[in-house]
Amino acid sequence: MFWRFNLYTLFWMIFILTLIVLPGQHMPETSTNLLSVDKIVHTGIFAVLVLLMAIGFSKQRTYYWLHNKAAIYALILSIGYASILESTQIFSEGRVVDVYDAIANTIGCIVGYGVFFVIYRW
């Protein structure tokens, strides 16, 4: 029952992983400031991740403790996932660890957390 509600989250996590491990030469050139298109994409991708994860956690009934605190667990796990992915970019050819990407990922996670509460707690 757990995976039934979290399958989209798993697919989205695999999609993000695929994008992150692409070699740098396959990625378009972007600026490194916090308001570039690249950072907005990072924010959006991780906002969707938290939203999908929080919805999946809240709908599943296998783990009651996870159901009750779905949004906070989704936020914590997504920030951890984003941090791990960002730190592993050093192993991808032509990629570097970017502090601004990590900040954009975290902001995206917080945005997804907020969107979940706006949609599901009203």
PDB file of N, CA and C in Angstrom:
ATOM      1  N   MET A   1       0.815  -1.197   0.000  1.00  0.00           N
ATOM      2  CA  MET A   1       0.000   0.000   0.000  1.00  0.00           C
ATOM      3  C   MET A   1       0.863   1.267   0.000  1.00  0.00           C
ATOM      4  N   PHE A   2       2.034   1.185   0.638  1.00  0.00           N
ATOM      5  CA  PHE A   2       2.914   2.347   0.701  1.00  0.00           C
ATOM      6  C   PHE A   2       3.355   2.771  -0.696  1.00  0.00           C
ATOM      7  N   TRP A   3       3.799   1.823  -1.503  1.00  0.00           N
ATOM      8  CA  TRP A   3       4.324   2.154  -2.829  1.00  0.00           C
ATOM      9  C   TRP A   3       3.245   2.593  -3.792  1.00  0.00           C
ATOM     10  N   ARG A   4       2.022   2.181  -3.550  1.00  0.00           N
ATOM     11  CA  ARG A   4       0.919   2.598  -4.410  1.00  0.00           C
ATOM     12  C   ARG A   4       0.792   4.122  -4.438  1.00  0.00           C
ATOM     13  N   PHE A   5       0.958   4.740  -3.292  1.00  0.00           N
ATOM     14  CA  PHE A   5       0.803   6.188  -3.196  1.00  0.00           C
ATOM     15  C   PHE A   5       2.111   6.950  -3.404  1.00  0.00           C
ATOM     16  N   ASN A   6       3.220   6.251  -3.439  1.00  0.00           N
ATOM     17  CA  ASN A   6       4.511   6.923  -3.566  1.00  0.00           C
ATOM     18  C   ASN A   6       5.257   6.569  -4.848  1.00  0.00           C
ATOM     19  N   LEU A   7       4.573   5.948  -5.777  1.00  0.00           N
ATOM     20  CA  LEU A   7       5.208   5.576  -7.038  1.00  0.00           C
ATOM     21  C   LEU A   7       5.614   6.808  -7.853  1.00  0.00           C
ATOM     22  N   TYR A   8       4.766   7.819  -7.884  1.00  0.00           N
ATOM     23  CA  TYR A   8       5.115   9.044  -8.617  1.00  0.00           C
ATOM     24  C   TYR A   8       6.329   9.726  -7.994  1.00  0.00           C
ATOM     25  N   THR A   9       6.406   9.675  -6.682  1.00  0.00           N
ATOM     26  CA  THR A   9       7.566  10.248  -5.998  1.00  0.00           C
ATOM     27  C   THR A   9       8.836   9.520  -6.410  1.00  0.00           C
ATOM     28  N   LEU A  10       8.780   8.211  -6.439  1.00  0.00           N
ATOM     29  CA  LEU A  10       9.943   7.421  -6.838  1.00  0.00           C
ATOM     30  C   LEU A  10      10.363   7.743  -8.267  1.00  0.00           C
ATOM     31  N   PHE A  11       9.411   7.820  -9.180  1.00  0.00           N
ATOM     32  CA  PHE A  11       9.733   8.180 -10.565  1.00  0.00           C
ATOM     33  C   PHE A  11      10.338   9.580 -10.656  1.00  0.00           C
ATOM     34  N   TRP A  12       9.805  10.519  -9.873  1.00  0.00           N
ATOM     35  CA  TRP A  12      10.323  11.892  -9.894  1.00  0.00           C
ATOM     36  C   TRP A  12      11.747  11.926  -9.338  1.00  0.00           C
ATOM     37  N   MET A  13      12.010  11.137  -8.296  1.00  0.00           N
ATOM     38  CA  MET A  13      13.361  11.079  -7.738  1.00  0.00           C
ATOM     39  C   MET A  13      14.349  10.502  -8.758  1.00  0.00           C
ATOM     40  N   ILE A  14      13.933   9.503  -9.494  1.00  0.00           N
ATOM     41  CA  ILE A  14      14.790   8.918 -10.529  1.00  0.00           C
ATOM     42  C   ILE A  14      15.025   9.928 -11.654  1.00  0.00           C
ATOM     43  N   PHE A  15      13.990  10.677 -12.013  1.00  0.00           N
ATOM     44  CA  PHE A  15      14.120  11.723 -13.030  1.00  0.00           C
ATOM     45  C   PHE A  15      15.139  12.784 -12.588  1.00  0.00           C
ATOM     46  N   ILE A  16      15.043  13.225 -11.335  1.00  0.00           N
ATOM     47  CA  ILE A  16      15.994  14.218 -10.813  1.00  0.00           C
ATOM     48  C   ILE A  16      17.410  13.638 -10.825  1.00  0.00           C
ATOM     49  N   LEU A  17      17.554  12.409 -10.377  1.00  0.00           N
ATOM     50  CA  LEU A  17      18.868  11.767 -10.363  1.00  0.00           C
ATOM     51  C   LEU A  17      19.466  11.713 -11.767  1.00  0.00           C
ATOM     52  N   THR A  18      18.640  11.389 -12.747  1.00  0.00           N
ATOM     53  CA  THR A  18      19.094  11.335 -14.131  1.00  0.00           C
ATOM     54  C   THR A  18      19.593  12.698 -14.602  1.00  0.00           C
ATOM     55  N   LEU A  19      18.863  13.753 -14.271  1.00  0.00           N
ATOM     56  CA  LEU A  19      19.294  15.096 -14.666  1.00  0.00           C
ATOM     57  C   LEU A  19      20.581  15.511 -13.972  1.00  0.00           C
ATOM     58  N   ILE A  20      20.713  15.152 -12.716  1.00  0.00           N
ATOM     59  CA  ILE A  20      21.876  15.581 -11.931  1.00  0.00           C
ATOM     60  C   ILE A  20      23.157  14.895 -12.396  1.00  0.00           C
ATOM     61  N   VAL A  21      23.076  13.642 -12.815  1.00  0.00           N
ATOM     62  CA  VAL A  21      24.296  12.921 -13.182  1.00  0.00           C
ATOM     63  C   VAL A  21      24.691  13.099 -14.643  1.00  0.00           C
ATOM     64  N   LEU A  22      23.904  13.842 -15.405  1.00  0.00           N
ATOM     65  CA  LEU A  22      24.312  14.107 -16.785  1.00  0.00           C
ATOM     66  C   LEU A  22      25.647  14.841 -16.798  1.00  0.00           C
ATOM     67  N   PRO A  23      26.527  14.470 -17.688  1.00  0.00           N
ATOM     68  CA  PRO A  23      27.795  15.200 -17.790  1.00  0.00           C
ATOM     69  C   PRO A  23      27.556  16.670 -18.132  1.00  0.00           C
ATOM     70  N   GLY A  24      28.449  17.514 -17.666  1.00  0.00           N
ATOM     71  CA  GLY A  24      28.303  18.954 -17.822  1.00  0.00           C
ATOM     72  C   GLY A  24      28.214  19.440 -19.248  1.00  0.00           C
ATOM     73  N   GLN A  25      28.864  18.754 -20.177  1.00  0.00           N
ATOM     74  CA  GLN A  25      28.830  19.215 -21.559  1.00  0.00           C
ATOM     75  C   GLN A  25      27.453  19.047 -22.192  1.00  0.00           C
ATOM     76  N   HIS A  26      26.571  18.260 -21.600  1.00  0.00           N
ATOM     77  CA  HIS A  26      25.219  18.079 -22.117  1.00  0.00           C
ATOM     78  C   HIS A  26      24.237  19.098 -21.552  1.00  0.00           C
ATOM     79  N   MET A  27      24.693  19.931 -20.636  1.00  0.00           N
ATOM     80  CA  MET A  27      23.831  20.915 -20.000  1.00  0.00           C
ATOM     81  C   MET A  27      24.078  22.288 -20.638  1.00  0.00           C
ATOM     82  N   PRO A  28      23.027  23.098 -20.784  1.00  0.00           N
ATOM     83  CA  PRO A  28      23.226  24.436 -21.332  1.00  0.00           C
ATOM     84  C   PRO A  28      23.977  25.327 -20.343  1.00  0.00           C
ATOM     85  N   GLU A  29      24.704  26.290 -20.887  1.00  0.00           N
ATOM     86  CA  GLU A  29      25.428  27.245 -20.041  1.00  0.00           C
ATOM     87  C   GLU A  29      24.430  28.153 -19.325  1.00  0.00           C
ATOM     88  N   THR A  30      24.641  28.346 -18.040  1.00  0.00           N
ATOM     89  CA  THR A  30      23.783  29.227 -17.251  1.00  0.00           C
ATOM     90  C   THR A  30      24.657  30.092 -16.363  1.00  0.00           C
ATOM     91  N   SER A  31      24.064  31.169 -15.871  1.00  0.00           N
ATOM     92  CA  SER A  31      24.806  32.011 -14.939  1.00  0.00           C
ATOM     93  C   SER A  31      24.768  31.366 -13.560  1.00  0.00           C
ATOM     94  N   THR A  32      25.628  31.847 -12.670  1.00  0.00           N
ATOM     95  CA  THR A  32      25.732  31.227 -11.351  1.00  0.00           C
ATOM     96  C   THR A  32      25.047  32.040 -10.255  1.00  0.00           C
ATOM     97  N   ASN A  33      24.299  33.080 -10.611  1.00  0.00           N
ATOM     98  CA  ASN A  33      23.639  33.828  -9.546  1.00  0.00           C
ATOM     99  C   ASN A  33      22.341  33.142  -9.141  1.00  0.00           C
ATOM    100  N   LEU A  34      21.756  33.597  -8.051  1.00  0.00           N
ATOM    101  CA  LEU A  34      20.600  32.923  -7.458  1.00  0.00           C
ATOM    102  C   LEU A  34      19.316  33.137  -8.239  1.00  0.00           C
ATOM    103  N   LEU A  35      19.261  34.109  -9.143  1.00  0.00           N
ATOM    104  CA  LEU A  35      18.029  34.389  -9.872  1.00  0.00           C
ATOM    105  C   LEU A  35      18.104  33.983 -11.347  1.00  0.00           C
ATOM    106  N   SER A  36      18.917  33.004 -11.671  1.00  0.00           N
ATOM    107  CA  SER A  36      19.012  32.544 -13.050  1.00  0.00           C
ATOM    108  C   SER A  36      17.928  31.502 -13.324  1.00  0.00           C
ATOM    109  N   VAL A  37      17.717  31.206 -14.591  1.00  0.00           N
ATOM    110  CA  VAL A  37      16.726  30.210 -14.992  1.00  0.00           C
ATOM    111  C   VAL A  37      17.075  28.853 -14.391  1.00  0.00           C
ATOM    112  N   ASP A  38      18.352  28.525 -14.349  1.00  0.00           N
ATOM    113  CA  ASP A  38      18.808  27.265 -13.773  1.00  0.00           C
ATOM    114  C   ASP A  38      18.359  27.126 -12.317  1.00  0.00           C
ATOM    115  N   LYS A  39      18.484  28.170 -11.560  1.00  0.00           N
ATOM    116  CA  LYS A  39      18.093  28.116 -10.140  1.00  0.00           C
ATOM    117  C   LYS A  39      16.577  28.027  -9.980  1.00  0.00           C
ATOM    118  N   ILE A  40      15.846  28.660 -10.864  1.00  0.00           N
ATOM    119  CA  ILE A  40      14.384  28.564 -10.834  1.00  0.00           C
ATOM    120  C   ILE A  40      13.953  27.129 -11.154  1.00  0.00           C
ATOM    121  N   VAL A  41      14.642  26.497 -12.097  1.00  0.00           N
ATOM    122  CA  VAL A  41      14.356  25.098 -12.429  1.00  0.00           C
ATOM    123  C   VAL A  41      14.663  24.198 -11.225  1.00  0.00           C
ATOM    124  N   HIS A  42      15.806  24.422 -10.570  1.00  0.00           N
ATOM    125  CA  HIS A  42      16.138  23.654  -9.367  1.00  0.00           C
ATOM    126  C   HIS A  42      15.039  23.812  -8.314  1.00  0.00           C
ATOM    127  N   THR A  43      14.600  25.037  -8.108  1.00  0.00           N
ATOM    128  CA  THR A  43      13.554  25.313  -7.121  1.00  0.00           C
ATOM    129  C   THR A  43      12.274  24.570  -7.478  1.00  0.00           C
ATOM    130  N   GLY A  44      11.866  24.637  -8.727  1.00  0.00           N
ATOM    131  CA  GLY A  44      10.633  23.977  -9.155  1.00  0.00           C
ATOM    132  C   GLY A  44      10.695  22.471  -9.056  1.00  0.00           C
ATOM    133  N   ILE A  45      11.814  21.900  -9.448  1.00  0.00           N
ATOM    134  CA  ILE A  45      11.965  20.437  -9.416  1.00  0.00           C
ATOM    135  C   ILE A  45      11.834  19.913  -7.986  1.00  0.00           C
ATOM    136  N   PHE A  46      12.463  20.589  -7.044  1.00  0.00           N
ATOM    137  CA  PHE A  46      12.414  20.099  -5.672  1.00  0.00           C
ATOM    138  C   PHE A  46      11.117  20.487  -4.968  1.00  0.00           C
ATOM    139  N   ALA A  47      10.451  21.525  -5.417  1.00  0.00           N
ATOM    140  CA  ALA A  47       9.115  21.837  -4.884  1.00  0.00           C
ATOM    141  C   ALA A  47       8.143  20.721  -5.263  1.00  0.00           C
ATOM    142  N   VAL A  48       8.232  20.264  -6.502  1.00  0.00           N
ATOM    143  CA  VAL A  48       7.377  19.158  -6.953  1.00  0.00           C
ATOM    144  C   VAL A  48       7.707  17.888  -6.169  1.00  0.00           C
ATOM    145  N   LEU A  49       8.979  17.643  -5.904  1.00  0.00           N
ATOM    146  CA  LEU A  49       9.369  16.460  -5.147  1.00  0.00           C
ATOM    147  C   LEU A  49       8.729  16.448  -3.757  1.00  0.00           C
ATOM    148  N   VAL A  50       8.830  17.547  -3.040  1.00  0.00           N
ATOM    149  CA  VAL A  50       8.247  17.604  -1.693  1.00  0.00           C
ATOM    150  C   VAL A  50       6.736  17.449  -1.773  1.00  0.00           C
ATOM    151  N   LEU A  51       6.119  18.094  -2.732  1.00  0.00           N
ATOM    152  CA  LEU A  51       4.667  18.005  -2.870  1.00  0.00           C
ATOM    153  C   LEU A  51       4.230  16.564  -3.141  1.00  0.00           C
ATOM    154  N   LEU A  52       4.869  15.901  -4.084  1.00  0.00           N
ATOM    155  CA  LEU A  52       4.535  14.500  -4.377  1.00  0.00           C
ATOM    156  C   LEU A  52       4.772  13.597  -3.171  1.00  0.00           C
ATOM    157  N   MET A  53       5.893  13.821  -2.501  1.00  0.00           N
ATOM    158  CA  MET A  53       6.230  12.986  -1.361  1.00  0.00           C
ATOM    159  C   MET A  53       5.254  13.199  -0.201  1.00  0.00           C
ATOM    160  N   ALA A  54       4.911  14.442   0.082  1.00  0.00           N
ATOM    161  CA  ALA A  54       3.981  14.734   1.173  1.00  0.00           C
ATOM    162  C   ALA A  54       2.594  14.160   0.878  1.00  0.00           C
ATOM    163  N   ILE A  55       2.158  14.265  -0.358  1.00  0.00           N
ATOM    164  CA  ILE A  55       0.856  13.691  -0.733  1.00  0.00           C
ATOM    165  C   ILE A  55       0.887  12.174  -0.582  1.00  0.00           C
ATOM    166  N   GLY A  56       1.939  11.551  -1.084  1.00  0.00           N
ATOM    167  CA  GLY A  56       2.060  10.097  -0.971  1.00  0.00           C
ATOM    168  C   GLY A  56       2.126   9.630   0.472  1.00  0.00           C
ATOM    169  N   PHE A  57       2.908  10.313   1.291  1.00  0.00           N
ATOM    170  CA  PHE A  57       3.024   9.942   2.702  1.00  0.00           C
ATOM    171  C   PHE A  57       1.703  10.125   3.437  1.00  0.00           C
ATOM    172  N   SER A  58       0.981  11.182   3.101  1.00  0.00           N
ATOM    173  CA  SER A  58      -0.264  11.442   3.822  1.00  0.00           C
ATOM    174  C   SER A  58      -1.385  10.493   3.419  1.00  0.00           C
ATOM    175  N   LYS A  59      -1.334   9.953   2.210  1.00  0.00           N
ATOM    176  CA  LYS A  59      -2.385   9.041   1.750  1.00  0.00           C
ATOM    177  C   LYS A  59      -2.135   7.594   2.153  1.00  0.00           C
ATOM    178  N   GLN A  60      -0.903   7.211   2.349  1.00  0.00           N
ATOM    179  CA  GLN A  60      -0.608   5.831   2.704  1.00  0.00           C
ATOM    180  C   GLN A  60      -1.010   5.575   4.156  1.00  0.00           C
ATOM    181  N   ARG A  61      -1.343   4.335   4.462  1.00  0.00           N
ATOM    182  CA  ARG A  61      -1.751   3.959   5.814  1.00  0.00           C
ATOM    183  C   ARG A  61      -0.872   2.846   6.400  1.00  0.00           C
ATOM    184  N   THR A  62       0.157   2.452   5.682  1.00  0.00           N
ATOM    185  CA  THR A  62       1.030   1.390   6.150  1.00  0.00           C
ATOM    186  C   THR A  62       1.828   1.837   7.368  1.00  0.00           C
ATOM    187  N   TYR A  63       2.369   3.041   7.307  1.00  0.00           N
ATOM    188  CA  TYR A  63       3.171   3.593   8.399  1.00  0.00           C
ATOM    189  C   TYR A  63       2.413   4.783   8.984  1.00  0.00           C
ATOM    190  N   TYR A  64       1.734   4.543  10.085  1.00  0.00           N
ATOM    191  CA  TYR A  64       0.874   5.565  10.678  1.00  0.00           C
ATOM    192  C   TYR A  64       1.665   6.800  11.108  1.00  0.00           C
ATOM    193  N   TRP A  65       2.861   6.579  11.649  1.00  0.00           N
ATOM    194  CA  TRP A  65       3.692   7.699  12.090  1.00  0.00           C
ATOM    195  C   TRP A  65       4.089   8.586  10.917  1.00  0.00           C
ATOM    196  N   LEU A  66       4.248   8.003   9.763  1.00  0.00           N
ATOM    197  CA  LEU A  66       4.594   8.758   8.561  1.00  0.00           C
ATOM    198  C   LEU A  66       3.376   9.504   8.023  1.00  0.00           C
ATOM    199  N   HIS A  67       2.231   8.896   8.157  1.00  0.00           N
ATOM    200  CA  HIS A  67       0.983   9.524   7.727  1.00  0.00           C
ATOM    201  C   HIS A  67       0.700  10.802   8.532  1.00  0.00           C
ATOM    202  N   ASN A  68       0.940  10.753   9.821  1.00  0.00           N
ATOM    203  CA  ASN A  68       0.622  11.885  10.691  1.00  0.00           C
ATOM    204  C   ASN A  68       1.521  13.101  10.477  1.00  0.00           C
ATOM    205  N   LYS A  69       2.754  12.884  10.137  1.00  0.00           N
ATOM    206  CA  LYS A  69       3.727  13.975   9.948  1.00  0.00           C
ATOM    207  C   LYS A  69       4.286  13.957   8.533  1.00  0.00           C
ATOM    208  N   ALA A  70       3.412  13.759   7.561  1.00  0.00           N
ATOM    209  CA  ALA A  70       3.834  13.564   6.175  1.00  0.00           C
ATOM    210  C   ALA A  70       4.647  14.730   5.636  1.00  0.00           C
ATOM    211  N   ALA A  71       4.191  15.943   5.841  1.00  0.00           N
ATOM    212  CA  ALA A  71       4.852  17.105   5.243  1.00  0.00           C
ATOM    213  C   ALA A  71       6.241  17.327   5.811  1.00  0.00           C
ATOM    214  N   ILE A  72       6.388  17.202   7.112  1.00  0.00           N
ATOM    215  CA  ILE A  72       7.700  17.452   7.712  1.00  0.00           C
ATOM    216  C   ILE A  72       8.700  16.368   7.309  1.00  0.00           C
ATOM    217  N   TYR A  73       8.253  15.099   7.252  1.00  0.00           N
ATOM    218  CA  TYR A  73       9.146  14.035   6.795  1.00  0.00           C
ATOM    219  C   TYR A  73       9.509  14.227   5.324  1.00  0.00           C
ATOM    220  N   ALA A  74       8.555  14.645   4.523  1.00  0.00           N
ATOM    221  CA  ALA A  74       8.834  14.901   3.107  1.00  0.00           C
ATOM    222  C   ALA A  74       9.854  16.024   2.962  1.00  0.00           C
ATOM    223  N   LEU A  75       9.708  17.062   3.760  1.00  0.00           N
ATOM    224  CA  LEU A  75      10.655  18.184   3.714  1.00  0.00           C
ATOM    225  C   LEU A  75      12.058  17.728   4.104  1.00  0.00           C
ATOM    226  N   ILE A  76      12.169  17.018   5.199  1.00  0.00           N
ATOM    227  CA  ILE A  76      13.482  16.574   5.679  1.00  0.00           C
ATOM    228  C   ILE A  76      14.144  15.619   4.683  1.00  0.00           C
ATOM    229  N   LEU A  77      13.387  14.646   4.207  1.00  0.00           N
ATOM    230  CA  LEU A  77      13.952  13.685   3.252  1.00  0.00           C
ATOM    231  C   LEU A  77      14.351  14.341   1.941  1.00  0.00           C
ATOM    232  N   SER A  78      13.555  15.292   1.481  1.00  0.00           N
ATOM    233  CA  SER A  78      13.864  15.963   0.215  1.00  0.00           C
ATOM    234  C   SER A  78      15.093  16.846   0.325  1.00  0.00           C
ATOM    235  N   ILE A  79      15.227  17.551   1.431  1.00  0.00           N
ATOM    236  CA  ILE A  79      16.429  18.372   1.624  1.00  0.00           C
ATOM    237  C   ILE A  79      17.662  17.472   1.702  1.00  0.00           C
ATOM    238  N   GLY A  80      17.536  16.340   2.383  1.00  0.00           N
ATOM    239  CA  GLY A  80      18.647  15.382   2.435  1.00  0.00           C
ATOM    240  C   GLY A  80      18.983  14.825   1.063  1.00  0.00           C
ATOM    241  N   TYR A  81      17.965  14.466   0.309  1.00  0.00           N
ATOM    242  CA  TYR A  81      18.170  13.945  -1.049  1.00  0.00           C
ATOM    243  C   TYR A  81      18.835  14.998  -1.934  1.00  0.00           C
ATOM    244  N   ALA A  82      18.351  16.226  -1.846  1.00  0.00           N
ATOM    245  CA  ALA A  82      18.927  17.317  -2.640  1.00  0.00           C
ATOM    246  C   ALA A  82      20.391  17.547  -2.269  1.00  0.00           C
ATOM    247  N   SER A  83      20.700  17.491  -0.991  1.00  0.00           N
ATOM    248  CA  SER A  83      22.076  17.707  -0.535  1.00  0.00           C
ATOM    249  C   SER A  83      23.006  16.595  -1.020  1.00  0.00           C
ATOM    250  N   ILE A  84      22.527  15.370  -0.927  1.00  0.00           N
ATOM    251  CA  ILE A  84      23.337  14.237  -1.388  1.00  0.00           C
ATOM    252  C   ILE A  84      23.589  14.333  -2.895  1.00  0.00           C
ATOM    253  N   LEU A  85      22.539  14.632  -3.647  1.00  0.00           N
ATOM    254  CA  LEU A  85      22.702  14.741  -5.105  1.00  0.00           C
ATOM    255  C   LEU A  85      23.646  15.874  -5.480  1.00  0.00           C
ATOM    256  N   GLU A  86      23.502  17.000  -4.804  1.00  0.00           N
ATOM    257  CA  GLU A  86      24.369  18.142  -5.116  1.00  0.00           C
ATOM    258  C   GLU A  86      25.828  17.815  -4.799  1.00  0.00           C
ATOM    259  N   SER A  87      26.068  17.135  -3.697  1.00  0.00           N
ATOM    260  CA  SER A  87      27.442  16.826  -3.321  1.00  0.00           C
ATOM    261  C   SER A  87      28.060  15.745  -4.206  1.00  0.00           C
ATOM    262  N   THR A  88      27.246  14.909  -4.837  1.00  0.00           N
ATOM    263  CA  THR A  88      27.797  13.868  -5.709  1.00  0.00           C
ATOM    264  C   THR A  88      28.086  14.376  -7.121  1.00  0.00           C
ATOM    265  N   GLN A  89      27.717  15.610  -7.425  1.00  0.00           N
ATOM    266  CA  GLN A  89      27.991  16.151  -8.764  1.00  0.00           C
ATOM    267  C   GLN A  89      29.474  16.278  -9.051  1.00  0.00           C
ATOM    268  N   ILE A  90      30.268  16.303  -8.022  1.00  0.00           N
ATOM    269  CA  ILE A  90      31.709  16.403  -8.211  1.00  0.00           C
ATOM    270  C   ILE A  90      32.252  15.179  -8.958  1.00  0.00           C
ATOM    271  N   PHE A  91      31.519  14.063  -8.898  1.00  0.00           N
ATOM    272  CA  PHE A  91      31.946  12.843  -9.573  1.00  0.00           C
ATOM    273  C   PHE A  91      31.475  12.776 -11.024  1.00  0.00           C
ATOM    274  N   SER A  92      30.589  13.703 -11.442  1.00  0.00           N
ATOM    275  CA  SER A  92      30.121  13.740 -12.826  1.00  0.00           C
ATOM    276  C   SER A  92      31.062  14.609 -13.646  1.00  0.00           C
ATOM    277  N   GLU A  93      31.348  14.172 -14.839  1.00  0.00           N
ATOM    278  CA  GLU A  93      32.277  14.881 -15.708  1.00  0.00           C
ATOM    279  C   GLU A  93      31.728  16.263 -16.071  1.00  0.00           C
ATOM    280  N   GLY A  94      32.526  17.280 -15.847  1.00  0.00           N
ATOM    281  CA  GLY A  94      32.141  18.635 -16.212  1.00  0.00           C
ATOM    282  C   GLY A  94      31.164  19.296 -15.256  1.00  0.00           C
ATOM    283  N   ARG A  95      30.885  18.690 -14.114  1.00  0.00           N
ATOM    284  CA  ARG A  95      29.946  19.260 -13.143  1.00  0.00           C
ATOM    285  C   ARG A  95      30.705  19.650 -11.891  1.00  0.00           C
ATOM    286  N   VAL A  96      30.183  20.624 -11.176  1.00  0.00           N
ATOM    287  CA  VAL A  96      30.776  21.057  -9.913  1.00  0.00           C
ATOM    288  C   VAL A  96      29.676  21.216  -8.871  1.00  0.00           C
ATOM    289  N   VAL A  97      30.076  21.181  -7.624  1.00  0.00           N
ATOM    290  CA  VAL A  97      29.150  21.442  -6.529  1.00  0.00           C
ATOM    291  C   VAL A  97      28.941  22.947  -6.469  1.00  0.00           C
ATOM    292  N   ASP A  98      27.694  23.376  -6.512  1.00  0.00           N
ATOM    293  CA  ASP A  98      27.361  24.792  -6.531  1.00  0.00           C
ATOM    294  C   ASP A  98      26.513  25.129  -5.305  1.00  0.00           C
ATOM    295  N   VAL A  99      27.007  26.041  -4.493  1.00  0.00           N
ATOM    296  CA  VAL A  99      26.282  26.444  -3.285  1.00  0.00           C
ATOM    297  C   VAL A  99      24.937  27.055  -3.655  1.00  0.00           C
ATOM    298  N   TYR A 100      24.882  27.803  -4.741  1.00  0.00           N
ATOM    299  CA  TYR A 100      23.620  28.418  -5.159  1.00  0.00           C
ATOM    300  C   TYR A 100      22.595  27.367  -5.599  1.00  0.00           C
ATOM    301  N   ASP A 101      23.063  26.278  -6.186  1.00  0.00           N
ATOM    302  CA  ASP A 101      22.149  25.174  -6.517  1.00  0.00           C
ATOM    303  C   ASP A 101      21.581  24.567  -5.240  1.00  0.00           C
ATOM    304  N   ALA A 102      22.438  24.374  -4.246  1.00  0.00           N
ATOM    305  CA  ALA A 102      21.984  23.809  -2.970  1.00  0.00           C
ATOM    306  C   ALA A 102      20.965  24.728  -2.299  1.00  0.00           C
ATOM    307  N   ILE A 103      21.198  26.025  -2.363  1.00  0.00           N
ATOM    308  CA  ILE A 103      20.247  26.984  -1.794  1.00  0.00           C
ATOM    309  C   ILE A 103      18.926  26.931  -2.561  1.00  0.00           C
ATOM    310  N   ALA A 104      18.997  26.895  -3.888  1.00  0.00           N
ATOM    311  CA  ALA A 104      17.783  26.819  -4.703  1.00  0.00           C
ATOM    312  C   ALA A 104      17.020  25.518  -4.441  1.00  0.00           C
ATOM    313  N   ASN A 105      17.729  24.415  -4.260  1.00  0.00           N
ATOM    314  CA  ASN A 105      17.085  23.146  -3.939  1.00  0.00           C
ATOM    315  C   ASN A 105      16.342  23.231  -2.609  1.00  0.00           C
ATOM    316  N   THR A 106      16.986  23.809  -1.612  1.00  0.00           N
ATOM    317  CA  THR A 106      16.367  23.942  -0.294  1.00  0.00           C
ATOM    318  C   THR A 106      15.163  24.872  -0.342  1.00  0.00           C
ATOM    319  N   ILE A 107      15.281  25.965  -1.058  1.00  0.00           N
ATOM    320  CA  ILE A 107      14.141  26.885  -1.210  1.00  0.00           C
ATOM    321  C   ILE A 107      12.990  26.163  -1.904  1.00  0.00           C
ATOM    322  N   GLY A 108      13.294  25.367  -2.911  1.00  0.00           N
ATOM    323  CA  GLY A 108      12.268  24.593  -3.591  1.00  0.00           C
ATOM    324  C   GLY A 108      11.577  23.622  -2.657  1.00  0.00           C
ATOM    325  N   CYS A 109      12.341  22.968  -1.791  1.00  0.00           N
ATOM    326  CA  CYS A 109      11.744  22.059  -0.819  1.00  0.00           C
ATOM    327  C   CYS A 109      10.793  22.802   0.112  1.00  0.00           C
ATOM    328  N   ILE A 110      11.190  23.974   0.566  1.00  0.00           N
ATOM    329  CA  ILE A 110      10.337  24.767   1.455  1.00  0.00           C
ATOM    330  C   ILE A 110       9.090  25.246   0.719  1.00  0.00           C
ATOM    331  N   VAL A 111       9.240  25.621  -0.539  1.00  0.00           N
ATOM    332  CA  VAL A 111       8.079  26.028  -1.344  1.00  0.00           C
ATOM    333  C   VAL A 111       7.098  24.869  -1.500  1.00  0.00           C
ATOM    334  N   GLY A 112       7.595  23.678  -1.799  1.00  0.00           N
ATOM    335  CA  GLY A 112       6.740  22.507  -1.912  1.00  0.00           C
ATOM    336  C   GLY A 112       6.011  22.203  -0.615  1.00  0.00           C
ATOM    337  N   TYR A 113       6.696  22.370   0.492  1.00  0.00           N
ATOM    338  CA  TYR A 113       6.100  22.196   1.819  1.00  0.00           C
ATOM    339  C   TYR A 113       4.950  23.183   2.016  1.00  0.00           C
ATOM    340  N   GLY A 114       5.181  24.435   1.642  1.00  0.00           N
ATOM    341  CA  GLY A 114       4.138  25.454   1.763  1.00  0.00           C
ATOM    342  C   GLY A 114       2.955  25.191   0.848  1.00  0.00           C
ATOM    343  N   VAL A 115       3.226  24.770  -0.371  1.00  0.00           N
ATOM    344  CA  VAL A 115       2.147  24.477  -1.316  1.00  0.00           C
ATOM    345  C   VAL A 115       1.290  23.326  -0.801  1.00  0.00           C
ATOM    346  N   PHE A 116       1.928  22.315  -0.221  1.00  0.00           N
ATOM    347  CA  PHE A 116       1.173  21.194   0.348  1.00  0.00           C
ATOM    348  C   PHE A 116       0.179  21.694   1.395  1.00  0.00           C
ATOM    349  N   PHE A 117       0.637  22.570   2.269  1.00  0.00           N
ATOM    350  CA  PHE A 117      -0.259  23.068   3.312  1.00  0.00           C
ATOM    351  C   PHE A 117      -1.364  23.960   2.744  1.00  0.00           C
ATOM    352  N   VAL A 118      -1.058  24.733   1.739  1.00  0.00           N
ATOM    353  CA  VAL A 118      -2.090  25.579   1.128  1.00  0.00           C
ATOM    354  C   VAL A 118      -3.167  24.722   0.477  1.00  0.00           C
ATOM    355  N   ILE A 119      -2.764  23.659  -0.196  1.00  0.00           N
ATOM    356  CA  ILE A 119      -3.725  22.821  -0.910  1.00  0.00           C
ATOM    357  C   ILE A 119      -4.453  21.864   0.021  1.00  0.00           C
ATOM    358  N   TYR A 120      -3.755  21.199   0.919  1.00  0.00           N
ATOM    359  CA  TYR A 120      -4.335  20.083   1.650  1.00  0.00           C
ATOM    360  C   TYR A 120      -4.759  20.401   3.080  1.00  0.00           C
ATOM    361  N   ARG A 121      -4.414  21.525   3.605  1.00  0.00           N
ATOM    362  CA  ARG A 121      -4.810  21.809   4.981  1.00  0.00           C
ATOM    363  C   ARG A 121      -5.914  22.839   5.096  1.00  0.00           C
ATOM    364  N   TRP A 122      -6.432  23.302   3.945  1.00  0.00           N
ATOM    365  CA  TRP A 122      -7.519  24.272   4.005  1.00  0.00           C
ATOM    366  C   TRP A 122      -8.798  23.556   3.964  1.00  0.00           C
TER     367      TRP A 122
END
